[in-house]
Structures are given as C-alpha cells and as structure tokens.
Amino acid sequence: MAARLRQGFRALAAWVRPVDQRMAALYLTPPLLALFEQMRAGERQHSLNVLRDLLAQGESNPSLMIAALLHDVGKSRAPFWLWERAFVVIAKALVPARAARWGNPLPNTPIDAIPRGWRRPFAINKQHPAWSAHMTAAAGADPLSVELIARHQRTVNQGTADQASPSEADRLLRVLQAADDHN
C-alpha cells in the first residue's frame, strides 16, 4: 500500500516536472517514441522511473527497455484519472475477485472498444496491457517487447523442480514487474 501511495504522490507532482524525452529517444524508434509522447506526463514519468530502475540493476536488454517505456501506453486510449486508480486499488484490496471480474470486457465487445460506465476504471486497469501490446506491435516493436508488455500484469510462471531455469522472457518479465511495482 505504501508503494501505491508513493505512486499517487508522484502522479500528482508529475505535471510540475518536465519529462526527459531525450532518455526515451535513446531506446525508442520514431514510431515508438510517438506512442510514448501520447502518454500523459505522469505515465511518462512513471515509465522513465521504471527504465532508470532497470538500468540501475544493470539490465540492458533493448526489448526490456522498450517494454519499460511503453508498458502503460494503452492507458492513453482512455484517460485513467488518479481518483479512478485509487478506486481500483481499494476495490482490489477489499473485493479482489469482483474487481477482477469488473475489468473483463463485456460479451461481444471488441478489444479496442473504450469502456464506459462505472466499470470503466476496472476495464482500463485490466485491459491496458493488451491495448499497449497491440499499439506497440502496430508501431513496429519487436516480438519480445510486445510479449513483455502484454504480460506485465500477469503472474509469472516460477518454474518447477524439474525445470533447470525459467525462460529469459520470464526473467525479464519478473524484473519489469518488480521495477513497475516499485515505481
């Protein structure tokens, strides 16, 4: 909960700090940078903080860097206000199964439909990874970046005793998720 409060305060203060587009431009092609620029200032700051965390840990995989910068770009499709985020976080803590169900798309709804009504924040929270993956794939992101973005809110398979080690994609996903949660 403390991490979520820290994220909320950072989001409130994001509009007063300039976003360092130059850092993003080091890792993104022009079409991907255009997606980054579509995000709200708070989401861009968050993404840059995730990137900085990964760099501080010694990570250098280009696909991971792209995923760090664009994992939330799907939220640019529908504004996701701070009070809505707080509502989702509280609901997930109090009634997690219902909150998860409220985020599911309604039957016969296309994946790119922008949600409406009181379930809207839950839908944005749950569906933005798929939206982000679709947008980045369309802009030319590599398959590993798209996979990391699509899976960034899913539980990672920890492997079994007979497995030598998890896949590199799973390792990268875990470090992305940790940096995302931290920021």
C-alpha atoms as a PDB file:
ATOM      1  CA  MET A   1       0.000   0.000   0.000  1.00  0.00           C
ATOM      2  CA  ALA A   2       2.904   2.359   0.735  1.00  0.00           C
ATOM      3  CA  ALA A   3       4.193   1.848  -2.815  1.00  0.00           C
ATOM      4  CA  ARG A   4       0.749   2.749  -4.213  1.00  0.00           C
ATOM      5  CA  LEU A   5       0.666   5.921  -2.088  1.00  0.00           C
ATOM      6  CA  ARG A   6       4.129   6.858  -3.352  1.00  0.00           C
ATOM      7  CA  GLN A   7       2.931   6.298  -6.929  1.00  0.00           C
ATOM      8  CA  GLY A   8      -0.090   8.508  -6.271  1.00  0.00           C
ATOM      9  CA  PHE A   9       2.034  11.361  -4.937  1.00  0.00           C
ATOM     10  CA  ARG A  10       4.390  11.050  -7.903  1.00  0.00           C
ATOM     11  CA  ALA A  11       1.432  11.186 -10.291  1.00  0.00           C
ATOM     12  CA  LEU A  12       0.142  14.336  -8.588  1.00  0.00           C
ATOM     13  CA  ALA A  13       3.549  16.005  -8.874  1.00  0.00           C
ATOM     14  CA  ALA A  14       4.254  14.840 -12.440  1.00  0.00           C
ATOM     15  CA  TRP A  15       2.782  17.903 -14.112  1.00  0.00           C
ATOM     16  CA  VAL A  16       5.358  20.206 -12.466  1.00  0.00           C
ATOM     17  CA  ARG A  17       8.401  18.206 -13.586  1.00  0.00           C
ATOM     18  CA  PRO A  18       9.474  18.201 -17.211  1.00  0.00           C
ATOM     19  CA  VAL A  19       9.578  14.793 -18.895  1.00  0.00           C
ATOM     20  CA  ASP A  20      13.033  13.903 -20.263  1.00  0.00           C
ATOM     21  CA  GLN A  21      12.050  12.851 -23.779  1.00  0.00           C
ATOM     22  CA  ARG A  22      15.751  12.517 -24.670  1.00  0.00           C
ATOM     23  CA  MET A  23      16.155   9.488 -22.437  1.00  0.00           C
ATOM     24  CA  ALA A  24      13.204   7.747 -24.083  1.00  0.00           C
ATOM     25  CA  ALA A  25      14.548   8.632 -27.527  1.00  0.00           C
ATOM     26  CA  LEU A  26      17.707   6.632 -26.768  1.00  0.00           C
ATOM     27  CA  TYR A  27      15.662   3.409 -26.726  1.00  0.00           C
ATOM     28  CA  LEU A  28      12.666   4.035 -28.987  1.00  0.00           C
ATOM     29  CA  THR A  29      12.361   4.273 -32.757  1.00  0.00           C
ATOM     30  CA  PRO A  30      10.474   7.350 -34.026  1.00  0.00           C
ATOM     31  CA  PRO A  31       7.124   5.485 -34.277  1.00  0.00           C
ATOM     32  CA  LEU A  32       7.547   4.078 -30.754  1.00  0.00           C
ATOM     33  CA  LEU A  33       8.626   7.489 -29.438  1.00  0.00           C
ATOM     34  CA  ALA A  34       5.422   8.924 -30.931  1.00  0.00           C
ATOM     35  CA  LEU A  35       3.478   6.421 -28.794  1.00  0.00           C
ATOM     36  CA  PHE A  36       5.471   7.426 -25.711  1.00  0.00           C
ATOM     37  CA  GLU A  37       4.614  11.062 -26.378  1.00  0.00           C
ATOM     38  CA  GLN A  38       0.880  10.197 -26.427  1.00  0.00           C
ATOM     39  CA  MET A  39       1.003   9.185 -22.769  1.00  0.00           C
ATOM     40  CA  ARG A  40       0.124  11.636 -20.023  1.00  0.00           C
ATOM     41  CA  ALA A  41       3.041  13.246 -18.189  1.00  0.00           C
ATOM     42  CA  GLY A  42       2.552  11.105 -15.080  1.00  0.00           C
ATOM     43  CA  GLU A  43       2.671   7.887 -17.078  1.00  0.00           C
ATOM     44  CA  ARG A  44       5.740   9.045 -18.984  1.00  0.00           C
ATOM     45  CA  GLN A  45       7.482   9.919 -15.694  1.00  0.00           C
ATOM     46  CA  HIS A  46       6.489   6.529 -14.284  1.00  0.00           C
ATOM     47  CA  SER A  47       7.847   4.743 -17.364  1.00  0.00           C
ATOM     48  CA  LEU A  48      11.119   6.644 -17.186  1.00  0.00           C
ATOM     49  CA  ASN A  49      11.412   5.735 -13.486  1.00  0.00           C
ATOM     50  CA  VAL A  50      10.886   2.062 -14.377  1.00  0.00           C
ATOM     51  CA  LEU A  51      13.610   2.385 -17.037  1.00  0.00           C
ATOM     52  CA  ARG A  52      16.006   4.048 -14.571  1.00  0.00           C
ATOM     53  CA  ASP A  53      15.400   1.264 -12.045  1.00  0.00           C
ATOM     54  CA  LEU A  54      16.218  -1.384 -14.642  1.00  0.00           C
ATOM     55  CA  LEU A  55      19.364   0.441 -15.735  1.00  0.00           C
ATOM     56  CA  ALA A  56      20.464   0.782 -12.091  1.00  0.00           C
ATOM     57  CA  GLN A  57      20.119  -3.001 -11.763  1.00  0.00           C
ATOM     58  CA  GLY A  58      22.466  -3.472 -14.714  1.00  0.00           C
ATOM     59  CA  GLU A  59      19.780  -4.557 -17.183  1.00  0.00           C
ATOM     60  CA  SER A  60      20.493  -3.715 -20.818  1.00  0.00           C
ATOM     61  CA  ASN A  61      18.177  -5.848 -22.957  1.00  0.00           C
ATOM     62  CA  PRO A  62      16.742  -3.495 -25.619  1.00  0.00           C
ATOM     63  CA  SER A  63      13.367  -5.268 -25.581  1.00  0.00           C
ATOM     64  CA  LEU A  64      13.136  -4.792 -21.823  1.00  0.00           C
ATOM     65  CA  MET A  65      13.911  -1.083 -22.177  1.00  0.00           C
ATOM     66  CA  ILE A  66      11.145  -0.670 -24.776  1.00  0.00           C
ATOM     67  CA  ALA A  67       8.714  -2.554 -22.528  1.00  0.00           C
ATOM     68  CA  ALA A  68       9.667  -0.346 -19.574  1.00  0.00           C
ATOM     69  CA  LEU A  69       8.870   2.777 -21.558  1.00  0.00           C
ATOM     70  CA  LEU A  70       5.665   1.592 -23.246  1.00  0.00           C
ATOM     71  CA  HIS A  71       4.021  -0.937 -20.898  1.00  0.00           C
ATOM     72  CA  ASP A  72       1.281   1.568 -19.991  1.00  0.00           C
ATOM     73  CA  VAL A  73       0.764   3.257 -23.374  1.00  0.00           C
ATOM     74  CA  GLY A  74      -2.635   1.559 -23.695  1.00  0.00           C
ATOM     75  CA  LYS A  75      -3.893   3.877 -20.963  1.00  0.00           C
ATOM     76  CA  SER A  76      -3.556   6.727 -23.469  1.00  0.00           C
ATOM     77  CA  ARG A  77      -6.614   5.328 -25.272  1.00  0.00           C
ATOM     78  CA  ALA A  78      -8.877   6.352 -22.387  1.00  0.00           C
ATOM     79  CA  PRO A  79      -7.961   8.811 -19.621  1.00  0.00           C
ATOM     80  CA  PHE A  80      -7.394   6.976 -16.352  1.00  0.00           C
ATOM     81  CA  TRP A  81      -7.716   9.597 -13.632  1.00  0.00           C
ATOM     82  CA  LEU A  82      -5.973   9.385 -10.277  1.00  0.00           C
ATOM     83  CA  TRP A  83      -9.231   9.010  -8.338  1.00  0.00           C
ATOM     84  CA  GLU A  84     -10.178   6.101 -10.633  1.00  0.00           C
ATOM     85  CA  ARG A  85      -6.846   4.425  -9.955  1.00  0.00           C
ATOM     86  CA  ALA A  86      -7.399   4.841  -6.219  1.00  0.00           C
ATOM     87  CA  PHE A  87     -10.885   3.338  -6.578  1.00  0.00           C
ATOM     88  CA  VAL A  88      -9.438   0.305  -8.396  1.00  0.00           C
ATOM     89  CA  VAL A  89      -6.644  -0.180  -5.826  1.00  0.00           C
ATOM     90  CA  ILE A  90      -9.125  -0.036  -2.930  1.00  0.00           C
ATOM     91  CA  ALA A  91     -11.567  -2.412  -4.657  1.00  0.00           C
ATOM     92  CA  LYS A  92      -8.752  -4.866  -5.456  1.00  0.00           C
ATOM     93  CA  ALA A  93      -7.765  -4.851  -1.771  1.00  0.00           C
ATOM     94  CA  LEU A  94     -11.323  -5.256  -0.452  1.00  0.00           C
ATOM     95  CA  VAL A  95     -13.029  -7.418  -3.096  1.00  0.00           C
ATOM     96  CA  PRO A  96     -10.289  -8.788  -5.379  1.00  0.00           C
ATOM     97  CA  ALA A  97     -12.413 -11.373  -7.225  1.00  0.00           C
ATOM     98  CA  ARG A  98     -15.129  -8.862  -8.024  1.00  0.00           C
ATOM     99  CA  ALA A  99     -12.616  -6.199  -9.045  1.00  0.00           C
ATOM    100  CA  ALA A 100     -11.023  -8.677 -11.449  1.00  0.00           C
ATOM    101  CA  ARG A 101     -14.406  -9.628 -12.886  1.00  0.00           C
ATOM    102  CA  TRP A 102     -15.424  -5.973 -13.292  1.00  0.00           C
ATOM    103  CA  GLY A 103     -12.369  -5.469 -15.508  1.00  0.00           C
ATOM    104  CA  ASN A 104     -13.366  -8.132 -18.021  1.00  0.00           C
ATOM    105  CA  PRO A 105     -14.703  -6.914 -21.353  1.00  0.00           C
ATOM    106  CA  LEU A 106     -18.449  -7.245 -21.766  1.00  0.00           C
ATOM    107  CA  PRO A 107     -19.626 -10.000 -24.152  1.00  0.00           C
ATOM    108  CA  ASN A 108     -19.451  -9.111 -27.855  1.00  0.00           C
ATOM    109  CA  THR A 109     -17.226  -6.108 -27.153  1.00  0.00           C
ATOM    110  CA  PRO A 110     -14.225  -5.607 -29.466  1.00  0.00           C
ATOM    111  CA  ILE A 111     -10.828  -5.472 -27.729  1.00  0.00           C
ATOM    112  CA  ASP A 112     -10.289  -1.892 -28.880  1.00  0.00           C
ATOM    113  CA  ALA A 113     -13.623  -0.602 -27.522  1.00  0.00           C
ATOM    114  CA  ILE A 114     -13.180   2.142 -24.955  1.00  0.00           C
ATOM    115  CA  PRO A 115     -15.085   1.182 -21.814  1.00  0.00           C
ATOM    116  CA  ARG A 116     -17.844   3.323 -20.321  1.00  0.00           C
ATOM    117  CA  GLY A 117     -19.749   3.491 -17.077  1.00  0.00           C
ATOM    118  CA  TRP A 118     -18.699   2.603 -13.559  1.00  0.00           C
ATOM    119  CA  ARG A 119     -16.680  -0.447 -14.700  1.00  0.00           C
ATOM    120  CA  ARG A 120     -14.531   1.761 -16.933  1.00  0.00           C
ATOM    121  CA  PRO A 121     -11.578   2.157 -14.489  1.00  0.00           C
ATOM    122  CA  PHE A 122     -11.501  -1.597 -13.866  1.00  0.00           C
ATOM    123  CA  ALA A 123     -11.543  -2.286 -17.609  1.00  0.00           C
ATOM    124  CA  ILE A 124      -8.721   0.179 -18.271  1.00  0.00           C
ATOM    125  CA  ASN A 125      -6.659  -1.314 -15.466  1.00  0.00           C
ATOM    126  CA  LYS A 126      -7.157  -4.880 -16.658  1.00  0.00           C
ATOM    127  CA  GLN A 127      -7.170  -4.392 -20.426  1.00  0.00           C
ATOM    128  CA  HIS A 128      -4.439  -1.784 -20.916  1.00  0.00           C
ATOM    129  CA  PRO A 129      -1.661  -4.422 -21.243  1.00  0.00           C
ATOM    130  CA  ALA A 130      -3.418  -5.923 -24.293  1.00  0.00           C
ATOM    131  CA  TRP A 131      -4.053  -2.455 -25.718  1.00  0.00           C
ATOM    132  CA  SER A 132      -0.411  -1.484 -25.106  1.00  0.00           C
ATOM    133  CA  ALA A 133       0.855  -4.653 -26.795  1.00  0.00           C
ATOM    134  CA  HIS A 134      -1.394  -4.102 -29.804  1.00  0.00           C
ATOM    135  CA  MET A 135      -0.317  -0.459 -30.163  1.00  0.00           C
ATOM    136  CA  THR A 136       3.401  -1.216 -29.849  1.00  0.00           C
ATOM    137  CA  ALA A 137       3.216  -4.143 -32.271  1.00  0.00           C
ATOM    138  CA  ALA A 138       1.474  -1.898 -34.802  1.00  0.00           C
ATOM    139  CA  ALA A 139       4.263   0.678 -34.349  1.00  0.00           C
ATOM    140  CA  GLY A 140       6.966  -1.913 -35.084  1.00  0.00           C
ATOM    141  CA  ALA A 141       8.104  -3.111 -31.660  1.00  0.00           C
ATOM    142  CA  ASP A 142       9.959  -6.431 -31.613  1.00  0.00           C
ATOM    143  CA  PRO A 143       8.085  -9.580 -30.509  1.00  0.00           C
ATOM    144  CA  LEU A 144       9.805  -9.837 -27.105  1.00  0.00           C
ATOM    145  CA  SER A 145       8.908  -6.237 -26.215  1.00  0.00           C
ATOM    146  CA  VAL A 146       5.313  -6.883 -27.238  1.00  0.00           C
ATOM    147  CA  GLU A 147       5.226 -10.084 -25.144  1.00  0.00           C
ATOM    148  CA  LEU A 148       6.637  -8.341 -22.062  1.00  0.00           C
ATOM    149  CA  ILE A 149       4.135  -5.516 -22.434  1.00  0.00           C
ATOM    150  CA  ALA A 150       1.193  -7.892 -22.911  1.00  0.00           C
ATOM    151  CA  ARG A 151       2.176  -9.931 -19.839  1.00  0.00           C
ATOM    152  CA  HIS A 152       3.343  -7.159 -17.498  1.00  0.00           C
ATOM    153  CA  GLN A 153       0.393  -7.606 -15.113  1.00  0.00           C
ATOM    154  CA  ARG A 154       0.177 -11.407 -15.236  1.00  0.00           C
ATOM    155  CA  THR A 155       1.625 -13.839 -12.742  1.00  0.00           C
ATOM    156  CA  VAL A 156       4.927 -15.247 -13.971  1.00  0.00           C
ATOM    157  CA  ASN A 157       5.486 -18.990 -14.015  1.00  0.00           C
ATOM    158  CA  GLN A 158       8.143 -19.665 -11.393  1.00  0.00           C
ATOM    159  CA  GLY A 159       9.087 -22.977 -12.970  1.00  0.00           C
ATOM    160  CA  THR A 160       9.047 -26.446 -11.466  1.00  0.00           C
ATOM    161  CA  ALA A 161      11.654 -28.523  -9.688  1.00  0.00           C
ATOM    162  CA  ASP A 162      12.440 -30.459 -12.875  1.00  0.00           C
ATOM    163  CA  GLN A 163      12.938 -27.269 -14.895  1.00  0.00           C
ATOM    164  CA  ALA A 164      16.542 -26.073 -14.973  1.00  0.00           C
ATOM    165  CA  SER A 165      15.603 -22.388 -15.051  1.00  0.00           C
ATOM    166  CA  PRO A 166      12.793 -20.124 -16.189  1.00  0.00           C
ATOM    167  CA  SER A 167      12.919 -18.723 -19.700  1.00  0.00           C
ATOM    168  CA  GLU A 168      14.745 -15.470 -20.381  1.00  0.00           C
ATOM    169  CA  ALA A 169      11.397 -13.874 -21.230  1.00  0.00           C
ATOM    170  CA  ASP A 170      10.066 -14.880 -17.781  1.00  0.00           C
ATOM    171  CA  ARG A 171      13.195 -13.490 -16.092  1.00  0.00           C
ATOM    172  CA  LEU A 172      12.841 -10.209 -17.959  1.00  0.00           C
ATOM    173  CA  LEU A 173       9.150 -10.087 -17.117  1.00  0.00           C
ATOM    174  CA  ARG A 174       9.888 -10.540 -13.415  1.00  0.00           C
ATOM    175  CA  VAL A 175      12.416  -7.691 -13.374  1.00  0.00           C
ATOM    176  CA  LEU A 176       9.998  -5.469 -15.331  1.00  0.00           C
ATOM    177  CA  GLN A 177       7.187  -6.244 -12.888  1.00  0.00           C
ATOM    178  CA  ALA A 178       9.407  -5.550  -9.886  1.00  0.00           C
ATOM    179  CA  ALA A 179      10.525  -2.199 -11.291  1.00  0.00           C
ATOM    180  CA  ASP A 180       6.934  -1.339 -12.249  1.00  0.00           C
ATOM    181  CA  ASP A 181       5.672  -2.201  -8.750  1.00  0.00           C
ATOM    182  CA  HIS A 182       8.480  -0.188  -7.170  1.00  0.00           C
ATOM    183  CA  ASN A 183       7.616   2.898  -9.194  1.00  0.00           C
END
